[in-house]
C-alpha atoms as a PDB file:
ATOM      1  CA  MET A   1      52.164 -45.663 -13.601  1.00  0.00           C
ATOM      2  CA  ASP A   2      52.560 -49.106 -14.630  1.00  0.00           C
ATOM      3  CA  ALA A   3      52.192 -50.847 -11.118  1.00  0.00           C
ATOM      4  CA  LEU A   4      48.575 -48.987 -11.085  1.00  0.00           C
ATOM      5  CA  ASP A   5      47.666 -51.081 -14.099  1.00  0.00           C
ATOM      6  CA  ILE A   6      45.625 -54.327 -13.545  1.00  0.00           C
ATOM      7  CA  ASP A   7      46.833 -56.273 -16.965  1.00  0.00           C
ATOM      8  CA  LYS A   8      50.305 -55.614 -15.629  1.00  0.00           C
ATOM      9  CA  TRP A   9      49.503 -57.485 -12.499  1.00  0.00           C
ATOM     10  CA  ARG A  10      47.955 -61.047 -13.764  1.00  0.00           C
ATOM     11  CA  PHE A  11      51.283 -62.548 -14.413  1.00  0.00           C
ATOM     12  CA  VAL A  12      52.177 -61.994 -10.938  1.00  0.00           C
ATOM     13  CA  SER A  13      49.777 -64.218  -9.604  1.00  0.00           C
ATOM     14  CA  ASP A  14      51.473 -66.944 -12.085  1.00  0.00           C
ATOM     15  CA  SER A  15      54.724 -67.252 -10.018  1.00  0.00           C
ATOM     16  CA  PRO A  16      55.567 -66.825  -6.127  1.00  0.00           C
ATOM     17  CA  GLY A  17      59.063 -65.448  -7.423  1.00  0.00           C
ATOM     18  CA  SER A  18      57.851 -62.606  -9.388  1.00  0.00           C
ATOM     19  CA  SER A  19      55.374 -61.476  -7.189  1.00  0.00           C
ATOM     20  CA  ILE A  20      58.013 -61.613  -4.177  1.00  0.00           C
ATOM     21  CA  ALA A  21      60.361 -59.540  -6.546  1.00  0.00           C
ATOM     22  CA  VAL A  22      57.583 -56.763  -7.653  1.00  0.00           C
ATOM     23  CA  SER A  23      56.956 -56.531  -3.607  1.00  0.00           C
ATOM     24  CA  SER A  24      60.309 -56.015  -2.900  1.00  0.00           C
ATOM     25  CA  VAL A  25      60.881 -53.680  -5.850  1.00  0.00           C
ATOM     26  CA  LEU A  26      57.768 -51.555  -4.582  1.00  0.00           C
ATOM     27  CA  MET A  27      58.720 -51.396  -0.896  1.00  0.00           C
ATOM     28  CA  SER A  28      62.441 -50.025  -1.627  1.00  0.00           C
ATOM     29  CA  LEU A  29      60.439 -47.186  -3.896  1.00  0.00           C
ATOM     30  CA  ARG A  30      58.400 -46.355  -0.616  1.00  0.00           C
ATOM     31  CA  PHE A  31      61.721 -46.532   1.443  1.00  0.00           C
ATOM     32  CA  ILE A  32      63.079 -44.256  -0.942  1.00  0.00           C
ATOM     33  CA  LEU A  33      60.229 -41.484  -0.577  1.00  0.00           C
ATOM     34  CA  VAL A  34      60.016 -41.822   2.911  1.00  0.00           C
ATOM     35  CA  GLY A  35      63.836 -41.240   3.566  1.00  0.00           C
ATOM     36  CA  SER A  36      64.012 -38.542   1.403  1.00  0.00           C
ATOM     37  CA  ALA A  37      61.057 -37.034   2.986  1.00  0.00           C
ATOM     38  CA  ALA A  38      62.832 -37.809   6.326  1.00  0.00           C
ATOM     39  CA  PHE A  39      65.559 -35.803   5.335  1.00  0.00           C
ATOM     40  CA  VAL A  40      64.164 -32.738   3.123  1.00  0.00           C
ATOM     41  CA  PHE A  41      61.104 -31.746   5.530  1.00  0.00           C
ATOM     42  CA  PRO A  42      63.098 -32.002   8.666  1.00  0.00           C
ATOM     43  CA  LEU A  43      66.163 -29.823   7.974  1.00  0.00           C
ATOM     44  CA  SER A  44      63.769 -27.168   6.133  1.00  0.00           C
ATOM     45  CA  PHE A  45      61.901 -27.251   9.186  1.00  0.00           C
ATOM     46  CA  LEU A  46      65.506 -26.325  11.048  1.00  0.00           C
ATOM     47  CA  THR A  47      66.482 -23.816   8.447  1.00  0.00           C
ATOM     48  CA  ASN A  48      63.235 -22.178   9.134  1.00  0.00           C
ATOM     49  CA  LEU A  49      63.927 -21.921  12.936  1.00  0.00           C
ATOM     50  CA  ILE A  50      67.532 -20.311  11.977  1.00  0.00           C
ATOM     51  CA  ASN A  51      66.538 -17.833   9.920  1.00  0.00           C
ATOM     52  CA  LYS A  52      64.507 -14.906  11.371  1.00  0.00           C
ATOM     53  CA  SER A  53      63.331 -13.313   7.945  1.00  0.00           C
ATOM     54  CA  PRO A  54      59.864 -14.459   6.647  1.00  0.00           C
ATOM     55  CA  ASN A  55      61.309 -13.508   2.962  1.00  0.00           C
ATOM     56  CA  ASP A  56      64.273 -16.252   3.832  1.00  0.00           C
ATOM     57  CA  LYS A  57      61.907 -19.056   5.249  1.00  0.00           C
ATOM     58  CA  ILE A  58      61.379 -22.162   2.992  1.00  0.00           C
ATOM     59  CA  GLY A  59      57.494 -22.811   2.287  1.00  0.00           C
ATOM     60  CA  ILE A  60      55.572 -26.225   2.186  1.00  0.00           C
ATOM     61  CA  LYS A  61      55.354 -25.746  -1.482  1.00  0.00           C
ATOM     62  CA  GLN A  62      58.771 -25.248  -1.708  1.00  0.00           C
ATOM     63  CA  GLN A  63      59.737 -27.883   0.310  1.00  0.00           C
ATOM     64  CA  VAL A  64      57.492 -30.811  -1.341  1.00  0.00           C
ATOM     65  CA  THR A  65      59.341 -28.956  -4.389  1.00  0.00           C
ATOM     66  CA  LEU A  66      63.310 -29.662  -2.930  1.00  0.00           C
ATOM     67  CA  TRP A  67      61.469 -33.217  -2.191  1.00  0.00           C
ATOM     68  CA  TRP A  68      60.376 -34.241  -5.219  1.00  0.00           C
ATOM     69  CA  ALA A  69      63.221 -32.485  -7.407  1.00  0.00           C
ATOM     70  CA  GLY A  70      65.555 -34.812  -5.407  1.00  0.00           C
ATOM     71  CA  LEU A  71      63.834 -37.797  -6.040  1.00  0.00           C
ATOM     72  CA  MET A  72      63.767 -36.844  -9.956  1.00  0.00           C
ATOM     73  CA  ARG A  73      67.793 -36.209  -9.856  1.00  0.00           C
ATOM     74  CA  GLY A  74      68.230 -39.273  -8.293  1.00  0.00           C
ATOM     75  CA  ALA A  75      69.834 -38.065  -5.302  1.00  0.00           C
ATOM     76  CA  ALA A  76      67.920 -40.648  -2.975  1.00  0.00           C
ATOM     77  CA  LEU A  77      69.173 -43.931  -5.147  1.00  0.00           C
END
């Protein structure tokens, strides 16, 4: 949540090196989020195609929970 704090961004305009560092960290975090989602959602879709029983299918809320729990656990890092 510190990335959304305007006061924290004032120091970035002082030096271009820190601006590049902050930008690269935020971009790598974005890649981690997208990369994790690229594995969880398609694999859940394939699992839903294989499982014929409606009770065994993975719902979208469960998929989002799997994606978020994987990020919090650190599996994507």
